[in-house]
C-alpha atoms as a PDB file:
ATOM      1  CA  ASP A   1     -29.064 -15.433   1.631  1.00  0.00           C
ATOM      2  CA  ALA A   2     -30.786 -14.008  -1.593  1.00  0.00           C
ATOM      3  CA  TRP A   3     -27.890 -12.866  -3.214  1.00  0.00           C
ATOM      4  CA  LEU A   4     -27.041 -16.752  -3.477  1.00  0.00           C
ATOM      5  CA  ASP A   5     -29.750 -18.166  -4.308  1.00  0.00           C
ATOM      6  CA  LEU A   6     -29.812 -15.444  -6.840  1.00  0.00           C
ATOM      7  CA  PHE A   7     -26.023 -16.315  -8.216  1.00  0.00           C
ATOM      8  CA  ALA A   8     -27.069 -20.194  -8.194  1.00  0.00           C
ATOM      9  CA  ALA A   9     -30.203 -19.328 -10.385  1.00  0.00           C
ATOM     10  CA  GLN A  10     -27.064 -17.480 -12.681  1.00  0.00           C
ATOM     11  CA  MET A  11     -24.924 -20.949 -13.112  1.00  0.00           C
ATOM     12  CA  ALA A  12     -28.022 -22.580 -12.817  1.00  0.00           C
ATOM     13  CA  ARG A  13     -28.137 -21.140 -16.797  1.00  0.00           C
ATOM     14  CA  ARG A  14     -24.576 -21.815 -17.804  1.00  0.00           C
ATOM     15  CA  ASP A  15     -24.500 -24.989 -19.342  1.00  0.00           C
ATOM     16  CA  VAL A  16     -20.808 -25.567 -18.786  1.00  0.00           C
ATOM     17  CA  VAL A  17     -21.530 -24.900 -14.744  1.00  0.00           C
ATOM     18  CA  GLN A  18     -22.255 -28.238 -12.775  1.00  0.00           C
ATOM     19  CA  SER A  19     -21.951 -27.385  -8.868  1.00  0.00           C
ATOM     20  CA  VAL A  20     -21.871 -24.665  -6.744  1.00  0.00           C
ATOM     21  CA  VAL A  21     -20.899 -24.986  -3.477  1.00  0.00           C
ATOM     22  CA  LEU A  22     -21.068 -22.265  -0.365  1.00  0.00           C
ATOM     23  CA  VAL A  23     -17.965 -22.835   2.235  1.00  0.00           C
ATOM     24  CA  ASP A  24     -18.011 -22.050   5.763  1.00  0.00           C
ATOM     25  CA  TYR A  25     -14.209 -21.259   6.665  1.00  0.00           C
ATOM     26  CA  ASP A  26     -12.765 -19.695   9.960  1.00  0.00           C
ATOM     27  CA  ASP A  27     -12.103 -16.747   8.343  1.00  0.00           C
ATOM     28  CA  GLY A  28     -15.010 -15.827   5.547  1.00  0.00           C
ATOM     29  CA  LEU A  29     -16.707 -17.348   2.925  1.00  0.00           C
ATOM     30  CA  THR A  30     -15.746 -19.170  -0.476  1.00  0.00           C
ATOM     31  CA  LEU A  31     -18.071 -19.755  -3.104  1.00  0.00           C
ATOM     32  CA  TRP A  32     -16.634 -22.990  -5.360  1.00  0.00           C
ATOM     33  CA  THR A  33     -18.337 -23.380  -9.326  1.00  0.00           C
ATOM     34  CA  VAL A  34     -17.396 -26.704  -9.894  1.00  0.00           C
ATOM     35  CA  VAL A  35     -17.388 -26.196 -14.502  1.00  0.00           C
ATOM     36  CA  ASP A  36     -16.801 -28.838 -16.539  1.00  0.00           C
ATOM     37  CA  ALA A  37     -15.059 -27.824 -20.051  1.00  0.00           C
ATOM     38  CA  GLY A  38     -11.960 -28.246 -21.892  1.00  0.00           C
ATOM     39  CA  PRO A  39      -8.221 -27.383 -20.170  1.00  0.00           C
ATOM     40  CA  PHE A  40      -8.114 -24.014 -19.689  1.00  0.00           C
ATOM     41  CA  ASP A  41     -10.622 -22.601 -21.777  1.00  0.00           C
ATOM     42  CA  HIS A  42     -11.377 -20.013 -20.875  1.00  0.00           C
ATOM     43  CA  ASP A  43     -14.531 -19.027 -23.572  1.00  0.00           C
ATOM     44  CA  ALA A  44     -16.317 -21.141 -21.683  1.00  0.00           C
ATOM     45  CA  VAL A  45     -15.467 -19.624 -18.416  1.00  0.00           C
ATOM     46  CA  ALA A  46     -15.623 -16.391 -19.360  1.00  0.00           C
ATOM     47  CA  PRO A  47     -19.026 -15.766 -17.881  1.00  0.00           C
ATOM     48  CA  VAL A  48     -18.828 -17.288 -14.880  1.00  0.00           C
ATOM     49  CA  TYR A  49     -15.987 -14.639 -14.045  1.00  0.00           C
ATOM     50  CA  GLU A  50     -18.837 -12.459 -16.103  1.00  0.00           C
ATOM     51  CA  GLN A  51     -21.113 -12.854 -13.253  1.00  0.00           C
ATOM     52  CA  GLU A  52     -18.806 -13.582 -10.114  1.00  0.00           C
ATOM     53  CA  ALA A  53     -18.010  -9.910 -10.981  1.00  0.00           C
ATOM     54  CA  ILE A  54     -21.876  -8.856 -10.694  1.00  0.00           C
ATOM     55  CA  LEU A  55     -21.503 -10.736  -7.454  1.00  0.00           C
ATOM     56  CA  LEU A  56     -18.387  -9.189  -5.655  1.00  0.00           C
ATOM     57  CA  ARG A  57     -20.285  -5.570  -6.834  1.00  0.00           C
ATOM     58  CA  SER A  58     -23.433  -6.818  -4.677  1.00  0.00           C
ATOM     59  CA  VAL A  59     -22.796  -8.112  -2.168  1.00  0.00           C
ATOM     60  CA  PRO A  60     -22.942  -7.817   1.373  1.00  0.00           C
ATOM     61  CA  ARG A  61     -19.690  -9.307   2.309  1.00  0.00           C
ATOM     62  CA  ASP A  62     -16.472 -10.307   1.492  1.00  0.00           C
ATOM     63  CA  ILE A  63     -16.438 -13.750  -0.178  1.00  0.00           C
ATOM     64  CA  ASP A  64     -14.148 -15.823  -1.715  1.00  0.00           C
ATOM     65  CA  LEU A  65     -15.073 -16.758  -5.304  1.00  0.00           C
ATOM     66  CA  ARG A  66     -13.176 -19.625  -6.281  1.00  0.00           C
ATOM     67  CA  ILE A  67     -13.326 -21.543  -9.871  1.00  0.00           C
ATOM     68  CA  VAL A  68     -12.351 -25.375  -9.987  1.00  0.00           C
ATOM     69  CA  ASN A  69     -12.575 -26.896 -13.944  1.00  0.00           C
ATOM     70  CA  ARG A  70     -13.508 -30.652 -14.073  1.00  0.00           C
ATOM     71  CA  GLY A  71     -10.789 -30.391 -17.279  1.00  0.00           C
ATOM     72  CA  GLU A  72      -7.740 -29.490 -15.547  1.00  0.00           C
ATOM     73  CA  LEU A  73      -7.825 -31.514 -12.789  1.00  0.00           C
ATOM     74  CA  ARG A  74      -5.217 -34.579 -12.104  1.00  0.00           C
ATOM     75  CA  VAL A  75      -7.644 -35.525  -9.159  1.00  0.00           C
ATOM     76  CA  THR A  76     -11.355 -36.533  -8.756  1.00  0.00           C
ATOM     77  CA  LEU A  77     -13.226 -34.046  -7.591  1.00  0.00           C
ATOM     78  CA  GLU A  78     -14.184 -35.178  -4.558  1.00  0.00           C
ATOM     79  CA  GLN A  79     -10.323 -35.242  -3.857  1.00  0.00           C
ATOM     80  CA  TRP A  80     -10.958 -31.694  -4.907  1.00  0.00           C
ATOM     81  CA  LEU A  81     -13.130 -29.447  -3.801  1.00  0.00           C
ATOM     82  CA  PRO A  82     -13.671 -29.274   0.721  1.00  0.00           C
ATOM     83  CA  ALA A  83     -17.358 -30.468   1.185  1.00  0.00           C
ATOM     84  CA  GLY A  84     -20.216 -26.964   2.388  1.00  0.00           C
ATOM     85  CA  ARG A  85     -23.644 -26.471   0.932  1.00  0.00           C
ATOM     86  CA  VAL A  86     -24.579 -27.180  -2.015  1.00  0.00           C
ATOM     87  CA  LEU A  87     -26.108 -24.685  -3.712  1.00  0.00           C
ATOM     88  CA  PHE A  88     -26.580 -25.652  -7.032  1.00  0.00           C
ATOM     89  CA  ALA A  89     -25.887 -29.502  -9.156  1.00  0.00           C
ATOM     90  CA  ARG A  90     -27.107 -30.060 -12.238  1.00  0.00           C
ATOM     91  CA  PRO A  91     -27.971 -34.234 -12.383  1.00  0.00           C
ATOM     92  CA  ALA A  92     -25.431 -35.865 -14.706  1.00  0.00           C
ATOM     93  CA  GLY A  93     -26.315 -36.187 -18.530  1.00  0.00           C
ATOM     94  CA  THR A  94     -28.546 -32.968 -18.655  1.00  0.00           C
ATOM     95  CA  VAL A  95     -27.824 -29.231 -19.572  1.00  0.00           C
ATOM     96  CA  ALA A  96     -29.418 -25.765 -18.425  1.00  0.00           C
ATOM     97  CA  SER A  97     -33.065 -25.616 -19.881  1.00  0.00           C
ATOM     98  CA  ALA A  98     -33.180 -22.226 -21.961  1.00  0.00           C
END
């Protein structure tokens, strides 16, 4: 779907975003955006929320959006994040290009 590709491309431009994963559950789609920010750093994550709001207004179907902040996890990301289709993954040690 083009809207998924567009969302992943938008997230790739944000240094705080580490990955975007789509999970197809029995009751619908969930789009997980993984960020790496300080615990409860709402300013760092605000652009992600803004982009999600745009997505919700433009997608042709219902989708659940989730943000997981690695800085707030008490377990590994692999223990937290369900398996799904990776739409974007930032290579370790890199940042978004301008």
